[in-house]
Protein backbone atom coordinates (compact mmCIF):
# COMPACT_ATOMS: atom_id res chain seq x y z
CA MET A 1 48.86 16.43 10.22
CA SER A 2 47.46 19.82 11.13
CA PRO A 3 49.90 22.63 11.94
CA ALA A 4 47.97 23.43 15.09
CA ALA A 5 48.62 19.95 16.45
CA THR A 6 52.35 20.05 15.95
CA THR A 7 53.57 23.61 16.03
CA ARG A 8 51.80 25.55 18.75
CA ARG A 9 50.32 24.84 22.11
CA PRO A 10 47.82 27.03 23.98
CA ALA A 11 49.39 29.12 26.72
CA ARG A 12 48.82 27.86 30.24
CA SER A 13 50.00 31.00 31.98
CA LYS A 14 50.55 34.67 31.36
CA ALA A 15 54.25 33.93 30.83
CA ALA A 16 53.44 31.62 27.93
CA ALA A 17 51.75 34.49 26.11
CA ARG A 18 55.01 36.38 25.76
CA PRO A 19 54.71 39.03 23.04
CA GLY A 20 56.63 38.61 19.83
CA ARG A 21 59.60 40.78 18.86
CA THR A 22 59.66 43.22 16.02
CA THR A 23 63.45 43.44 15.91
CA ARG A 24 66.15 40.95 16.82
CA ARG A 25 69.13 42.67 18.31
CA ARG A 26 72.13 40.40 18.75
CA VAL A 27 74.09 42.62 21.12
CA LEU A 28 75.61 40.41 23.82
CA ARG A 29 76.56 42.00 27.13
CA VAL A 30 78.15 39.71 29.67
CA ASP A 31 79.62 40.50 33.06
CA HIS A 32 81.82 37.46 33.59
CA HIS A 33 82.51 38.35 37.19
CA LYS A 34 78.82 37.79 38.02
CA ARG A 35 78.77 34.20 36.78
CA TRP A 36 77.96 31.64 39.45
CA ARG A 37 81.04 30.07 41.03
CA PRO A 38 81.89 28.22 44.26
CA ALA A 39 82.10 30.52 47.29
CA SER A 40 85.76 29.76 47.90
CA ARG A 41 88.30 32.32 49.15
CA ARG A 42 91.14 29.84 49.18
CA GLY A 43 94.34 31.05 47.53
CA GLY A 44 96.18 34.34 47.43
CA VAL A 45 96.08 37.07 44.79
CA CYS A 46 95.95 35.46 41.35
CA GLY A 47 98.67 37.61 39.79
CA TYR A 48 98.32 36.17 36.27
CA THR A 49 99.65 38.73 33.80
CA LEU A 50 99.26 39.14 30.04
CA ASP A 51 100.54 42.18 28.16
CA GLY A 52 100.57 44.37 31.23
CA LYS A 53 97.13 43.31 32.49
CA THR A 54 97.37 41.60 35.90
CA CYS A 55 94.56 39.77 37.67
CA ALA A 56 94.31 40.97 41.29
CA ARG A 57 91.44 38.70 42.32
CA ARG A 58 91.62 35.84 44.80
CA GLY A 59 89.64 32.68 45.52
CA ALA A 60 87.39 31.19 42.86
CA HIS A 61 87.18 33.91 40.20
CA TYR A 62 87.13 34.89 36.55
CA CYS A 63 90.69 35.64 35.44
CA GLU A 64 90.40 38.01 32.51
CA PRO A 65 94.03 37.81 31.32
CA ARG A 66 93.80 34.00 31.04
CA ALA A 67 90.67 34.32 28.94
CA ASP A 68 92.32 37.06 26.85
CA ARG A 69 95.17 34.67 26.08
CA VAL A 70 92.85 32.15 24.41
CA VAL A 71 90.81 34.78 22.56
CA ARG A 72 94.03 36.27 21.18
CA PHE A 73 95.34 32.80 20.22
CA PHE A 74 92.31 32.39 17.97
CA ALA A 75 92.48 35.89 16.47
CA GLU A 76 96.24 36.11 15.97
CA LEU A 77 97.24 32.56 15.04
CA LEU A 78 94.21 30.87 13.49
CA ILE A 79 92.59 31.26 10.08
CA HIS A 80 89.09 30.04 9.25
CA PRO A 81 89.58 26.87 7.20
CA ALA A 82 86.30 26.86 5.19
CA GLY A 83 82.84 28.32 4.76
CA ALA A 84 81.73 31.91 4.43
CA LEU A 85 84.64 33.13 6.58
CA ALA A 86 87.34 31.03 4.87
CA ASN A 87 90.84 32.55 4.82
CA THR A 88 89.95 35.26 7.31
CA ARG A 89 91.29 35.58 10.85
CA PHE A 90 89.43 33.55 13.42
CA VAL A 91 87.90 36.41 15.36
CA LEU A 92 85.45 34.70 17.68
CA ALA A 93 81.80 35.59 17.32
CA PRO A 94 80.39 37.27 20.45
CA TRP A 95 78.53 34.12 21.52
CA GLN A 96 81.63 31.96 20.96
CA GLU A 97 83.83 34.34 22.91
CA HIS A 98 81.60 35.31 25.82
CA GLU A 99 79.46 32.23 26.27
CA ILE A 100 82.02 29.48 25.63
CA ILE A 101 85.69 30.47 25.40
CA ARG A 102 85.95 33.12 28.12
CA PRO A 103 84.11 31.25 30.86
CA LEU A 104 85.63 27.91 29.89
CA PHE A 105 89.22 29.16 30.07
CA GLY A 106 88.88 32.16 32.37
CA GLU A 107 87.20 30.59 35.41
CA VAL A 108 89.83 29.39 37.93
CA VAL A 109 89.97 27.89 41.42
CA TRP A 110 92.85 27.36 43.83
CA SER A 111 94.29 23.83 43.74
CA VAL A 112 95.64 22.61 47.05
CA GLN A 113 97.27 19.68 45.27
CA TRP A 114 99.19 21.81 42.78
CA GLY A 115 99.59 24.91 44.92
CA ARG A 116 98.34 27.31 42.26
CA TYR A 117 95.28 28.46 40.42
CA VAL A 118 93.96 26.06 37.79
CA ARG A 119 91.00 26.08 35.44
CA ARG A 120 87.77 25.39 37.25
CA TYR A 121 86.20 23.47 34.38
CA THR A 122 87.62 20.04 33.64
CA ARG A 123 84.47 18.88 31.82
CA ALA A 124 82.59 20.76 29.12
CA THR A 125 79.50 19.94 27.10
CA VAL A 126 78.31 22.01 24.14
CA VAL A 127 74.90 21.12 22.70
CA MET A 128 73.66 23.04 19.66
CA ALA A 129 72.23 22.49 16.20
CA ARG A 130 74.42 21.44 13.32
CA LYS A 131 76.26 23.83 11.00
CA ASN A 132 77.03 26.33 13.75
CA GLY A 133 80.79 26.17 13.28
CA LYS A 134 81.51 23.46 15.83
CA SER A 135 84.32 21.78 13.82
CA ALA A 136 86.29 25.01 13.51
CA LEU A 137 85.74 25.90 17.16
CA LEU A 138 86.80 22.43 18.32
CA SER A 139 89.88 22.57 16.11
CA GLY A 140 90.88 25.91 17.57
CA ILE A 141 90.49 24.61 21.12
CA ALA A 142 92.49 21.50 20.26
CA LEU A 143 95.36 23.55 18.83
CA TYR A 144 95.40 25.85 21.85
CA MET A 145 95.53 22.86 24.20
CA LEU A 146 98.31 21.38 22.05
CA CYS A 147 100.71 24.31 21.93
CA GLY A 148 99.21 27.34 23.69
CA ASP A 149 98.33 26.07 27.14
CA GLY A 150 101.85 25.68 28.47
CA GLU A 151 101.51 21.93 29.11
CA GLU A 152 104.60 19.78 28.58
CA SER A 153 104.05 16.47 26.76
CA ALA A 154 100.40 17.32 26.24
CA GLU A 155 98.29 14.56 24.72
CA VAL A 156 95.28 15.87 22.82
CA TYR A 157 92.78 13.50 21.21
CA CYS A 158 89.59 13.72 19.22
CA ALA A 159 87.16 10.89 18.65
CA ALA A 160 83.80 10.36 17.01
CA ALA A 161 81.56 7.48 15.92
CA ASN A 162 84.33 6.15 13.67
CA THR A 163 87.77 7.09 12.45
CA ARG A 164 86.37 8.78 9.35
CA GLN A 165 84.13 11.03 11.42
CA ALA A 166 86.96 11.80 13.82
CA GLY A 167 88.98 12.81 10.79
CA LYS A 168 86.37 15.45 9.97
CA VAL A 169 87.15 17.04 13.32
CA PHE A 170 90.90 16.62 12.84
CA GLU A 171 91.14 17.91 9.25
CA PRO A 172 90.10 21.52 9.98
CA ALA A 173 92.96 21.70 12.48
CA THR A 174 95.49 20.64 9.84
CA LYS A 175 94.10 23.27 7.46
CA MET A 176 94.43 25.91 10.17
CA VAL A 177 98.03 24.88 10.71
CA ARG A 178 98.83 25.13 6.99
CA LYS A 179 97.26 28.59 6.77
CA SER A 180 99.13 29.92 9.83
CA PRO A 181 102.83 30.71 9.21
CA ILE A 182 103.65 30.47 12.93
CA LEU A 183 101.85 27.16 13.51
CA ALA A 184 103.05 25.69 10.20
CA LYS A 185 106.60 26.33 11.32
CA ARG A 186 106.11 24.91 14.80
CA LEU A 187 103.86 21.87 14.24
CA LYS A 188 104.57 18.77 12.19
CA HIS A 189 101.76 16.87 10.47
CA ILE A 190 102.18 13.09 10.27
CA LYS A 191 99.50 12.26 7.74
CA ASN A 192 99.41 8.46 7.83
CA ILE A 193 98.48 8.38 11.52
CA ARG A 194 96.53 11.65 11.62
CA ARG A 195 98.77 13.30 14.16
CA LEU A 196 100.05 16.84 14.74
CA VAL A 197 103.26 17.02 16.74
CA ASP A 198 104.73 19.92 18.71
CA GLU A 199 108.35 18.89 19.12
CA LYS A 200 109.10 21.94 21.30
CA THR A 201 106.96 20.60 24.15
CA GLY A 202 106.84 16.93 23.17
CA SER A 203 103.08 17.19 22.64
CA HIS A 204 100.76 15.73 20.02
CA TYR A 205 97.17 15.93 18.75
CA GLU A 206 95.67 12.80 17.25
CA ALA A 207 92.40 11.45 15.87
CA ILE A 208 91.50 8.10 17.41
CA PRO A 209 88.72 5.54 16.85
CA SER A 210 85.92 5.24 19.38
CA ASP A 211 87.20 1.90 20.69
CA ALA A 212 87.79 2.27 24.42
CA ASP A 213 89.51 -1.10 24.73
CA ASN A 214 92.42 0.22 22.71
CA GLU A 215 92.52 3.66 24.37
CA LEU A 216 93.29 2.79 27.99
CA GLY A 217 96.95 3.82 27.96
CA HIS A 218 96.46 7.52 27.27
CA SER A 219 97.02 10.44 29.63
CA PRO A 220 95.01 13.15 27.89
CA HIS A 221 95.50 16.82 28.58
CA CYS A 222 92.49 17.37 26.33
CA PHE A 223 89.94 14.98 24.88
CA ILE A 224 87.29 16.06 22.37
CA LEU A 225 84.32 13.79 21.70
CA ASP A 226 82.28 14.76 18.67
CA GLU A 227 78.56 13.86 18.44
CA VAL A 228 77.99 12.08 21.73
CA LEU A 229 74.68 10.81 20.35
CA SER A 230 76.60 8.36 18.14
CA GLN A 231 78.41 6.67 21.04
CA PRO A 232 76.96 3.29 22.08
CA ASP A 233 77.89 3.75 25.73
CA ASP A 234 80.18 5.67 28.10
CA THR A 235 83.23 3.38 28.00
CA LEU A 236 85.41 5.62 25.81
CA TRP A 237 84.49 8.73 27.79
CA LYS A 238 85.27 7.00 31.09
CA ALA A 239 88.58 5.69 29.75
CA MET A 240 89.68 9.20 28.85
CA VAL A 241 88.38 10.86 32.01
CA THR A 242 90.15 8.36 34.27
CA GLY A 243 93.33 8.66 32.18
CA ALA A 244 93.51 12.43 32.76
CA GLY A 245 93.98 12.16 36.52
CA ALA A 246 97.68 13.04 36.44
CA ARG A 247 97.18 16.28 34.48
CA THR A 248 97.15 19.66 36.23
CA GLN A 249 94.14 21.12 34.42
CA PRO A 250 92.75 18.66 31.87
CA LEU A 251 89.78 19.42 29.66
CA MET A 252 87.29 16.74 28.58
CA LEU A 253 85.08 18.38 25.94
CA ALA A 254 82.02 16.86 24.29
CA ILE A 255 79.98 18.54 21.59
CA THR A 256 76.80 17.15 20.13
CA THR A 257 73.40 17.59 18.58
CA GLU A 258 70.28 16.22 20.25
CA THR A 259 69.53 12.50 20.09
CA THR A 260 66.31 10.67 19.27
CA ASP A 261 67.05 7.75 21.60
CA GLN A 262 65.57 8.57 24.98
CA VAL A 263 67.37 5.68 26.71
CA SER A 264 70.99 6.04 25.61
CA PHE A 265 74.37 7.36 26.71
CA GLY A 266 73.83 10.39 24.49
CA ALA A 267 70.49 11.23 26.11
CA GLU A 268 71.94 10.81 29.61
CA PHE A 269 74.89 13.00 28.70
CA ILE A 270 72.77 15.78 27.20
CA ASP A 271 70.24 15.68 30.03
CA GLU A 272 73.00 16.04 32.62
CA ALA A 273 74.41 19.07 30.80
CA ASP A 274 70.91 20.56 30.74
CA ARG A 275 70.65 20.11 34.51
CA VAL A 276 74.07 21.67 35.09
CA MET A 277 73.13 24.69 32.97
CA GLU A 278 70.04 25.03 35.16
CA ASP A 279 71.92 24.51 38.43
CA PRO A 280 75.72 25.07 38.14
CA ALA A 281 76.24 24.12 41.79
CA ARG A 282 75.26 20.59 40.83
CA ALA A 283 78.71 20.10 39.25
CA PRO A 284 80.97 23.19 39.61
CA HIS A 285 83.66 21.55 37.44
CA HIS A 286 81.28 21.00 34.50
CA PHE A 287 80.77 23.73 31.88
CA ALA A 288 77.49 23.46 29.97
CA PHE A 289 76.36 25.40 26.89
CA VAL A 290 72.98 24.00 25.83
CA ARG A 291 70.89 25.56 23.08
CA LYS A 292 67.74 23.58 22.25
CA MET A 293 64.33 24.41 20.87
CA PRO A 294 61.81 23.74 23.68
CA ARG A 295 59.25 21.01 23.13
CA ASN A 296 56.50 22.17 25.45
CA VAL A 297 55.31 25.18 27.43
CA ASP A 298 57.13 24.05 30.59
CA GLU A 299 60.47 23.99 28.76
CA LEU A 300 59.76 27.33 27.10
CA GLU A 301 58.92 29.02 30.41
CA ARG A 302 62.01 27.45 31.98
CA LEU A 303 64.20 29.17 29.37
CA TRP A 304 62.51 32.50 30.07
CA ARG A 305 63.26 32.08 33.79
CA LEU A 306 66.88 31.01 33.31
CA PHE A 307 67.76 33.61 30.66
CA PRO A 308 65.58 36.67 31.26
CA ALA A 309 65.60 39.43 28.64
CA ARG A 310 67.69 37.47 26.11
CA PRO A 311 66.51 38.72 22.69
CA GLU A 312 67.27 35.45 20.88
CA LEU A 313 65.06 33.27 23.10
CA PRO A 314 62.19 31.43 21.39
CA VAL A 315 58.85 33.22 21.57
CA SER A 316 56.68 30.15 21.00
CA LEU A 317 56.79 26.43 20.23
CA ASP A 318 56.30 26.91 16.49
CA PRO A 319 59.23 25.28 14.63
CA TRP A 320 58.42 27.22 11.46
CA ASP A 321 58.57 30.65 13.09
CA GLU A 322 61.96 32.16 12.24
CA LYS A 323 61.97 34.08 15.53
CA ASN A 324 62.52 30.71 17.23
CA TRP A 325 65.55 29.64 15.21
CA SER A 326 68.26 31.79 16.75
CA TRP A 327 68.41 30.10 20.15
CA PRO A 328 69.39 26.63 18.88
CA ASN A 329 71.44 28.25 16.08
CA PRO A 330 73.64 30.96 17.65
CA ALA A 331 75.53 31.40 14.37
CA LEU A 332 72.37 32.23 12.42
CA GLY A 333 72.78 35.32 10.33
CA THR A 334 76.57 35.35 10.53
CA PHE A 335 78.20 32.22 9.13
CA LEU A 336 75.00 30.13 9.15
CA SER A 337 72.65 30.95 6.29
CA VAL A 338 69.07 31.92 7.17
CA GLN A 339 68.06 31.02 3.62
CA ALA A 340 69.36 27.47 4.06
CA LEU A 341 67.12 27.00 7.10
CA ARG A 342 64.16 28.47 5.25
CA GLU A 343 64.60 25.99 2.41
CA ASP A 344 64.89 23.05 4.84
CA ALA A 345 61.78 24.25 6.66
CA ILE A 346 59.76 24.41 3.41
CA GLU A 347 60.58 20.79 2.65
CA ALA A 348 60.07 19.63 6.23
CA ARG A 349 56.55 21.07 6.54
CA THR A 350 55.17 18.59 3.99
CA ASP A 351 57.18 15.48 4.93
CA LEU A 352 57.07 13.98 8.44
CA SER A 353 60.43 12.23 8.09
CA LYS A 354 62.04 15.50 7.02
CA GLU A 355 60.22 17.36 9.78
CA ASN A 356 61.80 15.08 12.39
CA GLY A 357 65.22 15.68 10.85
CA PHE A 358 64.64 19.44 10.80
CA ARG A 359 63.63 19.42 14.45
CA GLN A 360 66.59 17.29 15.54
CA PHE A 361 69.45 18.68 13.45
CA ARG A 362 68.33 22.23 12.67
CA LEU A 363 66.48 23.06 15.91
CA ASN A 364 68.40 20.71 18.19
CA GLN A 365 65.15 19.29 19.51
CA ARG A 366 64.78 15.76 20.84
CA VAL A 367 62.18 14.07 18.66
CA SER A 368 60.37 12.06 21.29
CA GLN A 369 57.05 12.04 23.07
CA VAL A 370 58.96 11.70 26.35
CA THR A 371 60.29 14.88 27.97
CA ARG A 372 61.87 15.89 31.24
CA TRP A 373 59.12 17.22 33.45
CA ILE A 374 60.14 19.16 36.59
CA SER A 375 62.62 22.02 36.39
CA MET A 376 64.84 22.10 39.47
CA ASP A 377 64.59 25.85 39.93
CA LEU A 378 60.86 25.38 40.51
CA TRP A 379 61.39 22.42 42.83
CA ASN A 380 64.09 24.12 44.89
CA ALA A 381 61.91 27.19 45.38
CA ARG A 382 59.33 25.03 47.17
CA ALA A 383 61.66 23.58 49.80
CA GLY A 384 60.54 25.86 52.62
CA GLU A 385 62.45 25.23 55.84
CA ILE A 386 65.01 22.46 55.32
CA ALA A 387 64.23 19.49 57.56
CA PRO A 388 67.20 17.89 59.37
CA THR A 389 65.33 14.56 59.67
CA PRO A 390 61.98 13.07 58.61
CA ASP A 391 60.90 12.93 62.26
CA TRP A 392 61.30 16.70 62.46
CA ILE A 393 58.59 17.03 59.79
CA ARG A 394 56.30 14.52 61.49
CA GLY A 395 56.56 16.42 64.74
CA ARG A 396 55.41 19.65 63.08
CA LEU A 397 52.46 18.08 61.26
CA GLY A 398 51.15 15.75 63.95
CA GLY A 399 47.38 15.53 64.28
CA GLN A 400 46.63 17.29 60.98
CA ARG A 401 44.33 16.04 58.22
CA CYS A 402 46.08 14.65 55.11
CA TRP A 403 45.72 12.46 52.04
CA GLY A 404 47.98 9.52 51.23
CA GLY A 405 49.49 8.14 48.01
CA LEU A 406 51.18 4.73 47.72
CA ASP A 407 53.32 3.73 44.73
CA LEU A 408 54.13 0.03 44.92
CA SER A 409 57.11 -1.58 43.25
CA SER A 410 58.04 -5.20 42.91
CA LYS A 411 59.30 -6.89 46.05
CA LEU A 412 62.84 -6.37 44.72
CA ASP A 413 62.82 -2.59 44.47
CA LEU A 414 61.87 0.73 46.02
CA THR A 415 58.35 1.56 47.26
CA ALA A 416 57.18 5.09 48.10
CA TYR A 417 54.39 6.58 50.23
CA ALA A 418 53.45 10.27 50.42
CA LEU A 419 51.15 12.33 52.61
CA VAL A 420 49.86 15.73 51.41
CA PHE A 421 48.48 18.18 53.97
CA PRO A 422 46.00 21.06 53.39
CA GLY A 423 48.77 23.67 53.68
CA GLY A 424 50.72 21.98 50.87
CA GLU A 425 53.23 20.21 53.14
CA VAL A 426 54.44 16.83 51.87
CA LEU A 427 55.83 13.97 53.93
CA TRP A 428 57.33 10.86 52.31
CA ARG A 429 58.35 7.39 53.38
CA PHE A 430 60.57 5.15 51.24
CA TRP A 431 61.34 1.44 51.65
CA VAL A 432 63.90 -0.67 49.83
CA PRO A 433 65.51 -4.12 50.25
CA GLU A 434 68.97 -3.71 51.74
CA SER A 435 70.42 -5.74 48.85
CA VAL A 436 69.53 -2.92 46.42
CA VAL A 437 71.34 -0.21 48.41
CA PRO A 438 74.86 -0.83 46.96
CA GLN A 439 73.54 -0.66 43.39
CA LEU A 440 71.69 2.62 43.97
CA ASP A 441 74.66 3.92 45.95
CA GLU A 442 76.76 3.54 42.82
CA HIS A 443 74.25 5.45 40.68
CA THR A 444 73.96 8.31 43.18
CA GLY A 445 77.62 8.78 44.06
CA GLY A 446 77.19 7.27 47.53
CA LYS A 447 74.21 9.44 48.46
CA PHE A 448 71.66 6.64 48.62
CA GLY A 449 73.49 4.94 51.49
CA GLU A 450 73.64 8.29 53.32
CA TRP A 451 69.89 8.71 52.93
CA VAL A 452 69.38 5.27 54.44
CA ARG A 453 71.66 6.06 57.38
CA ASP A 454 69.96 9.44 57.94
CA GLY A 455 66.50 7.89 58.06
CA TRP A 456 65.06 9.21 54.79
CA ILE A 457 64.83 5.63 53.46
CA THR A 458 64.07 2.44 55.37
CA ALA A 459 66.15 -0.53 54.21
CA THR A 460 64.57 -3.86 55.15
CA ASP A 461 66.60 -7.03 55.68
CA GLY A 462 67.19 -9.39 52.78
CA ASP A 463 66.64 -9.31 49.03
CA THR A 464 62.94 -8.40 49.10
CA ILE A 465 60.92 -5.67 50.79
CA ASP A 466 59.45 -6.63 54.15
CA TYR A 467 55.83 -5.61 53.64
CA ASP A 468 55.13 -5.93 57.36
CA THR A 469 57.44 -2.92 57.82
CA ILE A 470 55.33 -0.97 55.34
CA TYR A 471 52.13 -1.93 57.12
CA ASP A 472 53.59 -0.98 60.50
CA ASP A 473 54.74 2.43 59.23
CA VAL A 474 51.37 3.20 57.61
CA ALA A 475 49.61 2.20 60.83
CA GLU A 476 51.95 4.51 62.77
CA ASP A 477 51.07 7.41 60.46
CA HIS A 478 47.38 6.56 60.85
CA LYS A 479 47.76 7.18 64.59
CA ALA A 480 49.85 10.34 64.14
CA PHE A 481 47.74 12.03 61.44
CA ARG A 482 44.10 12.22 60.34
CA ILE A 483 44.44 10.40 57.00
CA VAL A 484 41.34 10.91 54.85
CA ASP A 485 42.18 8.13 52.40
CA ILE A 486 45.11 6.53 50.55
CA THR A 487 45.17 6.39 46.75
CA TYR A 488 47.29 3.50 45.53
CA ASP A 489 48.58 2.01 42.30
CA LYS A 490 46.42 -0.98 41.50
CA TRP A 491 49.41 -2.79 39.99
CA SER A 492 50.04 -5.68 42.44
CA GLY A 493 48.17 -3.58 45.00
CA GLU A 494 45.26 -5.76 46.09
CA PRO A 495 47.10 -7.84 48.76
CA VAL A 496 48.65 -4.65 50.15
CA ARG A 497 45.27 -2.91 50.18
CA GLN A 498 43.70 -5.76 52.10
CA ALA A 499 46.51 -5.82 54.67
CA ILE A 500 46.39 -2.04 55.27
CA VAL A 501 42.59 -1.97 55.55
CA LYS A 502 42.67 -4.90 57.96
CA ARG A 503 45.16 -3.09 60.23
CA THR A 504 43.86 0.47 60.00
CA ARG A 505 40.36 0.43 58.42
CA LEU A 506 41.58 3.31 56.24
CA THR A 507 39.76 4.02 52.97
CA MET A 508 41.87 2.84 50.02
CA VAL A 509 41.16 4.26 46.55
CA GLU A 510 42.39 2.38 43.48
CA SER A 511 44.22 4.30 40.74
CA ASP A 512 46.87 3.86 38.03
CA THR A 513 49.37 5.84 35.96
CA THR A 514 47.30 6.22 32.78
CA TYR A 515 46.72 9.54 31.02
CA LEU A 516 43.20 9.62 32.41
CA ARG A 517 44.23 9.37 36.06
CA MET A 518 47.55 11.22 35.95
CA THR A 519 46.76 14.33 33.88
CA PRO A 520 44.77 16.17 36.60
CA PRO A 521 47.23 15.66 39.51
CA MET A 522 50.22 16.39 37.26
CA ALA A 523 48.63 19.65 36.17
CA GLU A 524 47.89 20.44 39.82
CA LEU A 525 51.46 19.72 40.93
CA MET A 526 52.90 21.93 38.20
CA ARG A 527 50.42 24.68 39.10
CA ARG A 528 51.56 24.53 42.72
CA LEU A 529 55.23 24.55 41.75
CA LYS A 530 54.72 27.67 39.64
CA SER A 531 52.43 29.43 42.11
CA LYS A 532 53.75 32.50 43.90
CA ASP A 533 51.93 31.30 47.03
CA ASP A 534 53.31 28.54 49.25
CA GLU A 535 51.03 25.80 47.97
CA LEU A 536 53.68 23.08 48.15
CA THR A 537 56.44 22.56 50.73
CA HIS A 538 58.70 19.50 50.56
CA PHE A 539 61.20 20.54 53.28
CA GLY A 540 64.17 19.71 51.06
CA ASN A 541 63.61 15.93 51.17
CA PRO A 542 66.77 14.72 49.35
CA VAL A 543 65.27 11.48 48.06
CA ALA A 544 62.23 13.25 46.61
CA ARG A 545 64.53 15.84 44.99
CA TRP A 546 66.57 13.09 43.32
CA MET A 547 63.37 11.61 41.93
CA ALA A 548 61.93 14.97 40.85
CA ASP A 549 65.15 15.67 38.96
CA THR A 550 64.79 12.33 37.17
CA VAL A 551 61.10 12.08 36.35
CA GLU A 552 60.00 12.37 32.72
CA LYS A 553 56.56 12.72 31.26
CA LYS A 554 54.90 11.47 28.10
CA SER A 555 52.13 13.10 26.08
CA PRO A 556 50.34 11.95 22.94
CA ARG A 557 51.57 13.86 19.92
CA ASP A 558 48.02 14.89 19.01
CA ASP A 559 47.05 15.97 22.55
CA PRO A 560 49.99 17.47 24.49
CA ASP A 561 47.79 18.50 27.41
CA ARG A 562 47.35 14.88 28.42
CA GLN A 563 50.31 13.54 30.36
CA ARG A 564 51.61 10.76 32.54
CA PRO A 565 54.93 10.01 34.25
CA VAL A 566 57.28 7.56 32.56
CA LYS A 567 58.91 4.81 34.57
CA PRO A 568 62.65 4.69 33.78
CA ASP A 569 64.56 1.57 32.83
CA ARG A 570 65.74 0.77 36.36
CA ASP A 571 68.48 -1.69 35.41
CA LYS A 572 70.06 0.48 32.70
CA THR A 573 69.80 3.91 34.28
CA GLY A 574 69.67 3.40 38.05
CA LYS A 575 66.94 6.05 38.14
CA ARG A 576 63.94 5.92 40.44
CA ILE A 577 60.85 8.16 40.43
CA ASP A 578 58.52 6.32 42.85
CA GLY A 579 58.16 9.27 45.21
CA ILE A 580 56.63 11.43 42.47
CA PRO A 581 53.78 9.06 41.49
CA ALA A 582 53.13 8.62 45.23
CA LEU A 583 52.86 12.42 45.52
CA LEU A 584 50.53 12.52 42.50
CA PHE A 585 48.28 9.87 44.03
CA ALA A 586 48.12 11.88 47.24
CA LEU A 587 47.33 15.06 45.31
CA ASP A 588 44.62 13.17 43.46
CA GLY A 589 43.07 12.39 46.83
CA SER A 590 43.34 15.97 48.05
CA MET A 591 41.64 17.16 44.84
CA ARG A 592 38.71 14.84 45.57
CA GLY A 593 38.53 16.42 49.01
CA LEU A 594 36.66 15.07 52.01
CA PRO A 595 34.10 12.27 51.66
CA LYS A 596 30.54 13.50 51.34
CA THR A 597 28.70 13.57 54.63
CA SER A 598 25.95 10.96 54.90
CA VAL A 599 22.42 12.36 55.10
CA TYR A 600 21.96 10.36 58.29
CA GLU A 601 25.02 12.04 59.84
CA SER A 602 23.76 15.54 59.01
CA ARG A 603 20.04 15.11 59.68
CA GLY A 604 19.83 12.08 61.92
CA MET A 605 17.89 8.86 61.35
CA LEU A 606 14.52 10.59 61.69
CA GLY A 607 15.39 14.03 60.29
């Protein structure tokens, strides 16, 4: 395997040619008050006080004294249990303090239910490479939640793939307790059941197996799930999350390394955290710290947009370049040995199986040919004026020339149709059997049913799509717009093609979702999304946004410039992407342009 095929990819934009760094400063400056938060002014002055420092802010805000309390708990009560920093005070590293602990515990919102300020984050996901001190950090958080958070009868649990692995998370906490005179005096360790007890508050911290059937009776104040990638499904996580409903400010914390299984609970979990990091408004209660080595130029440029001027960002896609190691390994150079990574890299360069392990565990990179494709910051920037209804868009574009794309599903699922106009405007139609709506409603938190009611999706009667409705709608668009042609997926498409041609006499162009047919329109769509000019406007179509957020692409390992969209497992994931292939088909048509004029039309029969 040639290094050029696996380590670097030619730049596709000026941004991808970012110059390398000659020095790597690790100075971290963070203004916590500028972090994104909900625009809520509910609640009076915070008033939280610690050692003479009082928070005078109101509404959703960063409460510095609350964050100080946790930072001081680590520094004053905890001792590093092992490693290069063993037997020294647990003074948080700058990245631990400012990028995890302070925002996680300092961000607060007003709770109408409890009549006071509570922590904003009830969910937290930390994704980083192995050997970056996660066990010690988790243990410190667990001990704080056990006896430092002011919660009576707090139940704190940790779980992993099995009881033995959970014990590896629990054991550092017991060592910290033994090394701390104050905690050793206050907490009791019951060894045979792996439990720490705080008799003063009636609280306990316990390691449990990852068997959700036996964990339904808990009321966790804090739950820590180690290595999400090892969980077979989400049953344990759901059991703990639902059990925490009676707590004032619970914390469900998951920490993990990247997975290799693209269709798994771990992959879904990590991908959601990645989306929240990109768009915090997506889930204001969810804290996400995600540090992964990018797999392609799109991911690399996305990092540069989200974290401008960060010195530890990767400079390329080369896994062997040490300048790229700091981002997935924030502890590198402090308590993570650079030499250890160098030695692993030397072995991995000559052994494919070791290379995959190095990428996954040392660079926190998903080892898969399938990657998420569209970054939501790019998509959102191309909304233009937000359309209140689909008819509003049709009214503005009436009479204009356009190209169509039709992505057909089975009769039992969703079908999509897109029109692309010369100015970059996009108009979609979606059809689905009404019997599928409840299932997709469940996967979208009730949004799918709203989209049906608001007219963004047409639900046809029964268990199968009514194709006559599709034909009628296409014929209606044929009257309203000047459709040049419609590119369609040849899969099960011939009967539909015949019916549409019979009704409209429109030109229908056969296509498919192979690398050959998809690479050009996918490159064109990404070019338009990244363009500073308004070359694409989707008017905030909520169904298309859902699909854009979901779509993944696949590229051959030896030719990353070739690409095609990947259809998700509909039954397992509830994801749908049909509107994106429909858009790609329409773009394919627009790239072909207008049909060539016949010589007889331009010169006449006798010209």
